[in-house]
N, C-alpha and C. Protein backbone atom coordinates (compact mmCIF):
# COMPACT_ATOMS: atom_id res chain seq x y z
N THR A 1 0.83 -1.19 0.00
CA THR A 1 0.00 0.00 0.00
C THR A 1 0.87 1.24 0.00
N ALA A 2 0.24 2.33 -0.32
CA ALA A 2 0.96 3.60 -0.39
C ALA A 2 1.43 4.05 0.98
N ALA A 3 0.74 3.67 2.01
CA ALA A 3 1.11 4.10 3.36
C ALA A 3 2.39 3.44 3.84
N SER A 4 2.72 2.26 3.31
CA SER A 4 3.92 1.56 3.78
C SER A 4 5.18 1.93 3.00
N VAL A 5 5.04 2.67 1.90
CA VAL A 5 6.20 3.10 1.12
C VAL A 5 6.82 4.33 1.79
N PRO A 6 8.10 4.24 2.14
CA PRO A 6 8.72 5.39 2.80
C PRO A 6 8.81 6.59 1.85
N LYS A 7 8.65 7.76 2.41
CA LYS A 7 8.75 8.98 1.61
C LYS A 7 10.21 9.23 1.26
N ARG A 8 10.39 9.73 0.07
CA ARG A 8 11.74 10.11 -0.34
C ARG A 8 12.09 11.44 0.29
N THR A 9 13.30 11.52 0.76
CA THR A 9 13.76 12.81 1.27
C THR A 9 14.74 13.37 0.25
N ALA A 10 14.62 14.63 -0.01
CA ALA A 10 15.50 15.28 -0.99
C ALA A 10 16.92 15.33 -0.43
N ALA A 11 17.88 15.14 -1.33
CA ALA A 11 19.28 15.25 -0.92
C ALA A 11 19.53 16.69 -0.51
N PRO A 12 20.35 16.90 0.49
CA PRO A 12 20.62 18.27 0.91
C PRO A 12 21.26 19.07 -0.23
N THR A 13 20.85 20.30 -0.36
CA THR A 13 21.37 21.17 -1.40
C THR A 13 22.78 21.61 -1.02
N SER A 14 23.71 21.48 -1.96
CA SER A 14 25.10 21.85 -1.67
C SER A 14 25.23 23.37 -1.59
N HIS A 15 26.28 23.81 -0.92
CA HIS A 15 26.55 25.24 -0.80
C HIS A 15 26.70 25.87 -2.18
N LYS A 16 27.39 25.18 -3.08
CA LYS A 16 27.62 25.67 -4.43
C LYS A 16 26.30 25.92 -5.16
N LYS A 17 25.34 25.00 -5.01
CA LYS A 17 24.04 25.15 -5.67
C LYS A 17 23.22 26.28 -5.04
N ARG A 18 23.32 26.45 -3.73
CA ARG A 18 22.59 27.55 -3.08
C ARG A 18 23.13 28.90 -3.54
N VAL A 19 24.44 29.03 -3.61
CA VAL A 19 25.06 30.28 -4.07
C VAL A 19 24.66 30.56 -5.51
N SER A 20 24.67 29.52 -6.35
CA SER A 20 24.29 29.67 -7.75
C SER A 20 22.83 30.12 -7.88
N ALA A 21 21.94 29.53 -7.10
CA ALA A 21 20.52 29.89 -7.15
C ALA A 21 20.30 31.33 -6.70
N ALA A 22 21.08 31.79 -5.73
CA ALA A 22 20.90 33.13 -5.19
C ALA A 22 21.38 34.22 -6.14
N ARG A 23 22.18 33.88 -7.15
CA ARG A 23 22.67 34.89 -8.10
C ARG A 23 21.54 35.58 -8.84
N ALA A 24 20.41 34.92 -8.99
CA ALA A 24 19.26 35.51 -9.68
C ALA A 24 18.72 36.71 -8.93
N PHE A 25 19.06 36.83 -7.65
CA PHE A 25 18.53 37.91 -6.82
C PHE A 25 19.57 38.98 -6.53
N GLN A 26 20.56 39.11 -7.42
CA GLN A 26 21.61 40.11 -7.25
C GLN A 26 21.57 41.08 -8.44
N SER A 27 21.74 42.36 -8.14
CA SER A 27 21.81 43.34 -9.22
C SER A 27 23.18 43.24 -9.88
N LEU A 28 23.30 43.80 -11.09
CA LEU A 28 24.58 43.77 -11.78
C LEU A 28 25.67 44.49 -10.99
N GLU A 29 25.31 45.60 -10.33
CA GLU A 29 26.30 46.33 -9.54
C GLU A 29 26.80 45.48 -8.38
N PHE A 30 25.91 44.71 -7.79
CA PHE A 30 26.27 43.87 -6.65
C PHE A 30 27.13 42.69 -7.08
N LYS A 31 26.89 42.21 -8.29
CA LYS A 31 27.63 41.04 -8.78
C LYS A 31 29.11 41.33 -8.99
N GLY A 32 29.47 42.57 -9.24
CA GLY A 32 30.87 42.91 -9.44
C GLY A 32 31.28 42.86 -10.90
N GLU A 33 32.58 42.77 -11.11
CA GLU A 33 33.15 42.81 -12.45
C GLU A 33 32.61 41.67 -13.30
N GLN A 34 32.31 41.97 -14.56
CA GLN A 34 31.76 40.98 -15.47
C GLN A 34 32.71 40.77 -16.64
N GLY A 35 32.68 39.61 -17.23
CA GLY A 35 33.50 39.31 -18.39
C GLY A 35 34.26 38.01 -18.22
N PHE A 36 35.07 37.71 -19.21
CA PHE A 36 35.82 36.47 -19.22
C PHE A 36 37.26 36.76 -19.61
N ALA A 37 38.17 35.93 -19.13
CA ALA A 37 39.58 36.14 -19.41
C ALA A 37 40.31 34.80 -19.44
N TYR A 38 41.39 34.78 -20.18
CA TYR A 38 42.29 33.63 -20.16
C TYR A 38 43.37 33.90 -19.13
N VAL A 39 43.71 32.87 -18.37
CA VAL A 39 44.88 32.89 -17.51
C VAL A 39 45.86 31.94 -18.17
N TYR A 40 47.10 32.39 -18.31
CA TYR A 40 48.10 31.60 -19.03
C TYR A 40 49.07 30.96 -18.04
N LEU A 41 49.26 29.65 -18.22
CA LEU A 41 50.13 28.87 -17.35
C LEU A 41 51.25 28.23 -18.17
N GLY A 42 52.34 27.95 -17.52
CA GLY A 42 53.44 27.24 -18.18
C GLY A 42 53.10 25.77 -18.31
N ARG A 43 53.71 25.12 -19.27
CA ARG A 43 53.58 23.67 -19.40
C ARG A 43 54.92 23.13 -19.87
N SER A 44 55.27 21.98 -19.34
CA SER A 44 56.60 21.44 -19.62
C SER A 44 56.62 20.47 -20.79
N ARG A 45 55.45 20.05 -21.24
CA ARG A 45 55.37 19.07 -22.33
C ARG A 45 54.00 19.15 -22.98
N LYS A 46 53.83 18.36 -24.04
CA LYS A 46 52.50 18.28 -24.66
C LYS A 46 51.57 17.61 -23.67
N ILE A 47 50.35 18.13 -23.61
CA ILE A 47 49.37 17.64 -22.65
C ILE A 47 47.99 17.81 -23.26
N THR A 48 47.11 16.85 -23.05
CA THR A 48 45.76 16.92 -23.62
C THR A 48 44.86 17.79 -22.74
N ARG A 49 43.77 18.25 -23.31
CA ARG A 49 42.81 19.06 -22.55
C ARG A 49 42.25 18.29 -21.36
N SER A 50 41.93 17.02 -21.57
CA SER A 50 41.38 16.23 -20.47
C SER A 50 42.42 16.05 -19.36
N GLU A 51 43.68 15.91 -19.73
CA GLU A 51 44.74 15.79 -18.72
C GLU A 51 44.92 17.11 -17.97
N VAL A 52 44.79 18.23 -18.69
CA VAL A 52 44.87 19.54 -18.03
C VAL A 52 43.77 19.65 -16.99
N ARG A 53 42.55 19.32 -17.38
CA ARG A 53 41.41 19.40 -16.45
C ARG A 53 41.61 18.48 -15.24
N SER A 54 42.09 17.29 -15.49
CA SER A 54 42.33 16.35 -14.40
C SER A 54 43.38 16.88 -13.43
N ARG A 55 44.47 17.41 -13.96
CA ARG A 55 45.53 17.95 -13.10
C ARG A 55 45.08 19.21 -12.36
N LEU A 56 44.27 20.03 -13.01
CA LEU A 56 43.74 21.21 -12.33
C LEU A 56 42.84 20.78 -11.17
N ARG A 57 42.00 19.77 -11.41
CA ARG A 57 41.11 19.26 -10.35
C ARG A 57 41.93 18.77 -9.16
N ARG A 58 42.99 18.01 -9.44
CA ARG A 58 43.84 17.49 -8.36
C ARG A 58 44.60 18.60 -7.65
N SER A 59 44.76 19.73 -8.33
CA SER A 59 45.44 20.89 -7.72
C SER A 59 44.50 21.73 -6.86
N GLY A 60 43.21 21.39 -6.86
CA GLY A 60 42.25 22.11 -6.04
C GLY A 60 41.41 23.12 -6.79
N VAL A 61 41.43 23.07 -8.11
CA VAL A 61 40.67 24.01 -8.94
C VAL A 61 39.27 23.45 -9.18
N ASP A 62 38.26 24.33 -9.11
CA ASP A 62 36.89 23.95 -9.45
C ASP A 62 36.80 23.96 -10.97
N THR A 63 36.93 22.79 -11.61
CA THR A 63 36.99 22.73 -13.07
C THR A 63 35.64 23.04 -13.72
N GLY A 64 34.58 23.10 -12.94
CA GLY A 64 33.30 23.53 -13.48
C GLY A 64 33.32 24.99 -13.90
N ARG A 65 34.30 25.72 -13.41
CA ARG A 65 34.43 27.14 -13.77
C ARG A 65 35.37 27.37 -14.95
N ILE A 66 35.97 26.30 -15.44
CA ILE A 66 36.87 26.39 -16.58
C ILE A 66 36.05 26.19 -17.85
N LEU A 67 36.05 27.19 -18.73
CA LEU A 67 35.24 27.13 -19.95
C LEU A 67 36.01 26.58 -21.14
N ASP A 68 37.31 26.81 -21.17
CA ASP A 68 38.11 26.37 -22.31
C ASP A 68 39.56 26.21 -21.88
N VAL A 69 40.23 25.30 -22.54
CA VAL A 69 41.68 25.14 -22.39
C VAL A 69 42.26 25.25 -23.79
N SER A 70 43.24 26.12 -23.96
CA SER A 70 43.87 26.27 -25.28
C SER A 70 45.38 26.24 -25.12
N PHE A 71 46.07 26.10 -26.24
CA PHE A 71 47.52 26.02 -26.26
C PHE A 71 48.05 27.09 -27.22
N PRO A 72 48.14 28.34 -26.75
CA PRO A 72 48.45 29.47 -27.64
C PRO A 72 49.90 29.58 -28.06
N ALA A 73 50.80 28.89 -27.38
CA ALA A 73 52.22 28.97 -27.72
C ALA A 73 52.93 27.77 -27.13
N SER A 74 54.12 27.54 -27.62
CA SER A 74 54.92 26.45 -27.09
C SER A 74 55.23 26.72 -25.61
N GLY A 75 54.96 25.75 -24.77
CA GLY A 75 55.24 25.90 -23.34
C GLY A 75 54.20 26.69 -22.56
N VAL A 76 53.06 27.00 -23.20
CA VAL A 76 52.03 27.82 -22.56
C VAL A 76 50.66 27.18 -22.80
N LEU A 77 49.81 27.22 -21.78
CA LEU A 77 48.42 26.84 -21.97
C LEU A 77 47.54 27.94 -21.41
N GLY A 78 46.39 28.15 -22.05
CA GLY A 78 45.45 29.19 -21.64
C GLY A 78 44.20 28.55 -21.06
N VAL A 79 43.72 29.12 -19.96
CA VAL A 79 42.53 28.61 -19.29
C VAL A 79 41.51 29.74 -19.24
N LEU A 80 40.36 29.55 -19.91
CA LEU A 80 39.32 30.57 -19.98
C LEU A 80 38.36 30.42 -18.81
N MET A 81 38.08 31.55 -18.13
CA MET A 81 37.18 31.55 -16.98
C MET A 81 36.57 32.93 -16.80
N HIS A 82 35.58 33.02 -15.92
CA HIS A 82 34.97 34.30 -15.58
C HIS A 82 36.00 35.13 -14.82
N VAL A 83 36.00 36.43 -15.05
CA VAL A 83 37.00 37.29 -14.41
C VAL A 83 36.94 37.27 -12.88
N GLN A 84 35.78 36.97 -12.33
CA GLN A 84 35.68 36.94 -10.87
C GLN A 84 36.35 35.71 -10.27
N TYR A 85 36.68 34.72 -11.08
CA TYR A 85 37.36 33.52 -10.58
C TYR A 85 38.87 33.59 -10.78
N VAL A 86 39.35 34.57 -11.54
CA VAL A 86 40.77 34.66 -11.89
C VAL A 86 41.65 34.73 -10.64
N LYS A 87 41.30 35.58 -9.70
CA LYS A 87 42.13 35.77 -8.51
C LYS A 87 42.26 34.47 -7.71
N GLU A 88 41.12 33.80 -7.48
CA GLU A 88 41.14 32.53 -6.74
C GLU A 88 41.93 31.47 -7.50
N PHE A 89 41.74 31.41 -8.81
CA PHE A 89 42.44 30.43 -9.65
C PHE A 89 43.96 30.65 -9.59
N THR A 90 44.39 31.90 -9.80
CA THR A 90 45.83 32.16 -9.80
C THR A 90 46.44 31.90 -8.41
N ALA A 91 45.69 32.21 -7.36
CA ALA A 91 46.19 31.92 -6.01
C ALA A 91 46.37 30.42 -5.82
N THR A 92 45.42 29.63 -6.30
CA THR A 92 45.52 28.17 -6.20
C THR A 92 46.71 27.67 -7.00
N MET A 93 46.91 28.21 -8.18
CA MET A 93 48.02 27.77 -9.03
C MET A 93 49.37 28.14 -8.40
N LYS A 94 49.45 29.32 -7.82
CA LYS A 94 50.71 29.73 -7.18
C LYS A 94 51.00 28.88 -5.94
N LYS A 95 49.94 28.45 -5.24
CA LYS A 95 50.12 27.58 -4.07
C LYS A 95 50.78 26.26 -4.44
N VAL A 96 50.49 25.77 -5.64
CA VAL A 96 51.06 24.50 -6.08
C VAL A 96 52.29 24.73 -6.97
N SER A 97 52.83 25.93 -6.93
CA SER A 97 54.05 26.31 -7.65
C SER A 97 53.94 26.22 -9.17
N ALA A 98 52.74 26.45 -9.69
CA ALA A 98 52.57 26.51 -11.14
C ALA A 98 53.06 27.86 -11.64
N GLN A 99 53.55 27.89 -12.85
CA GLN A 99 54.03 29.13 -13.44
C GLN A 99 52.84 29.86 -14.07
N VAL A 100 52.53 31.05 -13.56
CA VAL A 100 51.44 31.87 -14.09
C VAL A 100 52.06 33.03 -14.85
N PHE A 101 51.71 33.18 -16.13
CA PHE A 101 52.21 34.27 -16.95
C PHE A 101 51.24 35.45 -16.85
N ASP A 102 51.62 36.48 -16.12
CA ASP A 102 50.74 37.64 -15.93
C ASP A 102 50.71 38.55 -17.15
N THR A 103 51.77 38.54 -17.95
CA THR A 103 51.86 39.48 -19.07
C THR A 103 51.90 38.79 -20.43
N PHE A 104 51.46 37.55 -20.51
CA PHE A 104 51.49 36.83 -21.79
C PHE A 104 50.54 37.49 -22.78
N ASP A 105 51.03 37.71 -24.01
CA ASP A 105 50.21 38.28 -25.08
C ASP A 105 50.05 37.25 -26.19
N PRO A 106 48.86 36.68 -26.36
CA PRO A 106 48.68 35.65 -27.39
C PRO A 106 48.86 36.18 -28.81
N LEU A 107 48.83 37.50 -28.99
CA LEU A 107 49.00 38.08 -30.33
C LEU A 107 50.46 38.38 -30.67
N ASP A 108 51.36 38.19 -29.73
CA ASP A 108 52.78 38.49 -29.95
C ASP A 108 53.35 37.57 -31.03
N PRO A 109 53.93 38.13 -32.10
CA PRO A 109 54.50 37.30 -33.18
C PRO A 109 55.59 36.34 -32.69
N LYS A 110 56.19 36.60 -31.55
CA LYS A 110 57.21 35.69 -31.02
C LYS A 110 56.62 34.32 -30.68
N ASN A 111 55.30 34.26 -30.49
CA ASN A 111 54.65 33.00 -30.15
C ASN A 111 54.41 32.10 -31.37
N LEU A 112 54.72 32.61 -32.55
CA LEU A 112 54.52 31.84 -33.79
C LEU A 112 55.74 30.96 -34.02
N ALA A 113 55.66 29.71 -33.58
CA ALA A 113 56.82 28.83 -33.60
C ALA A 113 56.88 27.91 -34.81
N ASP A 114 55.82 27.85 -35.59
CA ASP A 114 55.78 26.95 -36.74
C ASP A 114 56.84 27.38 -37.76
N PRO A 115 57.75 26.48 -38.14
CA PRO A 115 58.82 26.84 -39.08
C PRO A 115 58.33 27.33 -40.44
N LYS A 116 57.11 26.94 -40.84
CA LYS A 116 56.64 27.39 -42.16
C LYS A 116 56.37 28.89 -42.21
N TYR A 117 56.33 29.56 -41.03
CA TYR A 117 56.13 31.00 -41.00
C TYR A 117 57.42 31.76 -40.72
N ALA A 118 58.54 31.06 -40.66
CA ALA A 118 59.82 31.69 -40.32
C ALA A 118 60.24 32.75 -41.34
N SER A 119 59.86 32.57 -42.59
CA SER A 119 60.28 33.51 -43.63
C SER A 119 59.41 34.77 -43.70
N LEU A 120 58.33 34.82 -42.94
CA LEU A 120 57.45 35.99 -42.96
C LEU A 120 58.11 37.19 -42.30
N SER A 121 57.74 38.39 -42.77
CA SER A 121 58.20 39.62 -42.13
C SER A 121 57.54 39.75 -40.76
N GLU A 122 57.98 40.70 -39.97
CA GLU A 122 57.38 40.93 -38.65
C GLU A 122 55.89 41.24 -38.78
N ASP A 123 55.53 42.07 -39.78
CA ASP A 123 54.11 42.36 -40.01
C ASP A 123 53.34 41.12 -40.44
N GLY A 124 53.94 40.32 -41.30
CA GLY A 124 53.31 39.09 -41.75
C GLY A 124 53.10 38.13 -40.60
N ARG A 125 54.07 38.04 -39.69
CA ARG A 125 53.96 37.16 -38.51
C ARG A 125 52.85 37.68 -37.59
N ALA A 126 52.76 39.01 -37.45
CA ALA A 126 51.71 39.60 -36.61
C ALA A 126 50.33 39.30 -37.20
N GLN A 127 50.20 39.42 -38.53
CA GLN A 127 48.93 39.12 -39.18
C GLN A 127 48.58 37.64 -39.02
N GLN A 128 49.58 36.77 -39.13
CA GLN A 128 49.34 35.34 -38.97
C GLN A 128 48.91 35.02 -37.55
N MET A 129 49.53 35.66 -36.57
CA MET A 129 49.14 35.44 -35.17
C MET A 129 47.70 35.90 -34.95
N HIS A 130 47.35 37.05 -35.49
CA HIS A 130 45.98 37.54 -35.34
C HIS A 130 45.00 36.56 -35.98
N SER A 131 45.36 36.02 -37.12
CA SER A 131 44.51 35.04 -37.80
C SER A 131 44.33 33.78 -36.95
N LEU A 132 45.40 33.31 -36.34
CA LEU A 132 45.33 32.12 -35.48
C LEU A 132 44.48 32.37 -34.24
N VAL A 133 44.66 33.54 -33.61
CA VAL A 133 43.87 33.88 -32.42
C VAL A 133 42.40 34.05 -32.80
N TYR A 134 42.15 34.67 -33.94
CA TYR A 134 40.78 34.84 -34.45
C TYR A 134 40.12 33.47 -34.63
N ASP A 135 40.82 32.55 -35.32
CA ASP A 135 40.27 31.21 -35.55
C ASP A 135 40.03 30.48 -34.23
N ARG A 136 40.96 30.63 -33.28
CA ARG A 136 40.83 29.97 -31.98
C ARG A 136 39.62 30.53 -31.23
N ALA A 137 39.41 31.84 -31.30
CA ALA A 137 38.27 32.47 -30.62
C ALA A 137 36.95 31.97 -31.20
N LEU A 138 36.85 31.92 -32.52
CA LEU A 138 35.62 31.43 -33.16
C LEU A 138 35.39 29.96 -32.85
N ASP A 139 36.46 29.18 -32.82
CA ASP A 139 36.34 27.76 -32.48
C ASP A 139 35.83 27.60 -31.05
N THR A 140 36.35 28.40 -30.13
CA THR A 140 35.91 28.36 -28.74
C THR A 140 34.42 28.69 -28.65
N LEU A 141 33.99 29.72 -29.35
CA LEU A 141 32.58 30.12 -29.31
C LEU A 141 31.66 29.04 -29.90
N SER A 142 32.20 28.24 -30.80
CA SER A 142 31.37 27.22 -31.45
C SER A 142 31.02 26.05 -30.53
N PHE A 143 31.80 25.83 -29.47
CA PHE A 143 31.48 24.70 -28.60
C PHE A 143 31.05 25.09 -27.19
N LEU A 144 31.09 26.36 -26.85
CA LEU A 144 30.63 26.78 -25.53
C LEU A 144 29.13 26.53 -25.39
N ARG A 145 28.67 26.40 -24.15
CA ARG A 145 27.23 26.31 -23.92
C ARG A 145 26.58 27.54 -24.53
N PRO A 146 25.46 27.37 -25.23
CA PRO A 146 24.84 28.47 -25.96
C PRO A 146 24.61 29.75 -25.14
N LEU A 147 24.23 29.62 -23.89
CA LEU A 147 23.95 30.82 -23.09
C LEU A 147 25.21 31.58 -22.69
N LEU A 148 26.37 30.98 -22.86
CA LEU A 148 27.64 31.67 -22.55
C LEU A 148 28.26 32.34 -23.77
N VAL A 149 27.79 31.98 -24.95
CA VAL A 149 28.41 32.48 -26.18
C VAL A 149 28.39 34.00 -26.26
N GLY A 150 27.25 34.63 -25.97
CA GLY A 150 27.16 36.10 -26.07
C GLY A 150 28.14 36.81 -25.16
N PRO A 151 28.13 36.52 -23.86
CA PRO A 151 29.07 37.21 -22.97
C PRO A 151 30.54 36.94 -23.29
N VAL A 152 30.88 35.72 -23.65
CA VAL A 152 32.28 35.40 -23.98
C VAL A 152 32.65 36.10 -25.29
N ALA A 153 31.74 36.11 -26.26
CA ALA A 153 32.00 36.78 -27.54
C ALA A 153 32.25 38.28 -27.32
N ARG A 154 31.48 38.90 -26.42
CA ARG A 154 31.69 40.33 -26.14
C ARG A 154 33.06 40.56 -25.48
N SER A 155 33.50 39.62 -24.66
CA SER A 155 34.84 39.74 -24.07
C SER A 155 35.92 39.63 -25.15
N PHE A 156 35.73 38.69 -26.09
CA PHE A 156 36.68 38.55 -27.20
C PHE A 156 36.67 39.80 -28.08
N LEU A 157 35.49 40.41 -28.25
CA LEU A 157 35.38 41.65 -29.02
C LEU A 157 36.18 42.77 -28.34
N GLN A 158 36.06 42.89 -27.02
CA GLN A 158 36.81 43.91 -26.28
C GLN A 158 38.31 43.70 -26.40
N LEU A 159 38.74 42.45 -26.50
CA LEU A 159 40.16 42.15 -26.65
C LEU A 159 40.66 42.40 -28.07
N GLY A 160 39.71 42.60 -29.01
CA GLY A 160 40.09 42.85 -30.39
C GLY A 160 40.36 41.58 -31.18
N TRP A 161 39.93 40.44 -30.67
CA TRP A 161 40.18 39.17 -31.34
C TRP A 161 39.17 38.89 -32.44
N ILE A 162 37.95 39.40 -32.29
CA ILE A 162 36.89 39.22 -33.28
C ILE A 162 36.20 40.56 -33.47
N ASP A 163 35.32 40.64 -34.49
CA ASP A 163 34.59 41.90 -34.70
C ASP A 163 33.11 41.71 -34.42
N GLU A 164 32.36 42.78 -34.57
CA GLU A 164 30.92 42.78 -34.24
C GLU A 164 30.14 41.76 -35.08
N ASP A 165 30.50 41.61 -36.35
CA ASP A 165 29.82 40.63 -37.20
C ASP A 165 30.04 39.21 -36.69
N ASP A 166 31.25 38.94 -36.18
CA ASP A 166 31.55 37.61 -35.63
C ASP A 166 30.71 37.35 -34.37
N VAL A 167 30.53 38.39 -33.55
CA VAL A 167 29.71 38.25 -32.34
C VAL A 167 28.28 37.89 -32.74
N THR A 168 27.73 38.64 -33.68
CA THR A 168 26.37 38.40 -34.15
C THR A 168 26.24 36.98 -34.72
N GLY A 169 27.20 36.57 -35.52
CA GLY A 169 27.17 35.23 -36.11
C GLY A 169 27.26 34.13 -35.07
N ALA A 170 28.12 34.32 -34.07
CA ALA A 170 28.29 33.31 -33.02
C ALA A 170 27.03 33.19 -32.17
N ILE A 171 26.41 34.33 -31.86
CA ILE A 171 25.17 34.30 -31.08
C ILE A 171 24.05 33.62 -31.87
N SER A 172 23.97 33.92 -33.16
CA SER A 172 22.95 33.30 -34.01
C SER A 172 23.14 31.79 -34.07
N ALA A 173 24.39 31.34 -34.24
CA ALA A 173 24.67 29.91 -34.28
C ALA A 173 24.34 29.25 -32.95
N ALA A 174 24.62 29.95 -31.84
CA ALA A 174 24.32 29.40 -30.52
C ALA A 174 22.81 29.28 -30.32
N ARG A 175 22.06 30.27 -30.79
CA ARG A 175 20.59 30.22 -30.66
C ARG A 175 20.03 29.04 -31.44
N SER A 176 20.61 28.76 -32.60
CA SER A 176 20.12 27.63 -33.39
C SER A 176 20.41 26.30 -32.69
N ARG A 177 21.48 26.23 -31.89
CA ARG A 177 21.77 25.01 -31.13
C ARG A 177 20.78 24.84 -29.98
N LEU A 178 20.20 25.95 -29.49
CA LEU A 178 19.22 25.87 -28.42
C LEU A 178 17.88 25.32 -28.89
N ALA A 179 17.57 25.60 -30.15
CA ALA A 179 16.26 25.22 -30.70
C ALA A 179 16.12 23.73 -30.88
């Protein structure tokens, strides 16, 4: 009978889920700085994205806040996250003696290590780097969760990596994935 079946009790809500739910009741001014940024870390060898995420998790990083992992230059990896998490992330990385590049510029022609571009002029190398960063930004926008595409695209626009038409196109593509 129905009377003898024990009632289900809901699992206790985690602190993380309560904080997330409460964000709906905060004004933009209260929320603080908005946007997204890459934090650049050193790497000693080739490493896969899944291995990066696994090692970050073991280092104490909340990998649910990591939106993208990229490899912008030899010996460097980029980790995309919300700007409000950058301080906590870098503190965690410094605690485990990871190398954090505070001034890394992904558009710097010095980061173009492919020998097929060695004969290019400095301007040609700069244009090639911009093209690579542009392609990487669009690729990132193509796989992000659709509701994050607009805000991340606007951050990329502010960095000068993409233009307004690219933002519009990325948002349109993301909306079609929602449907």
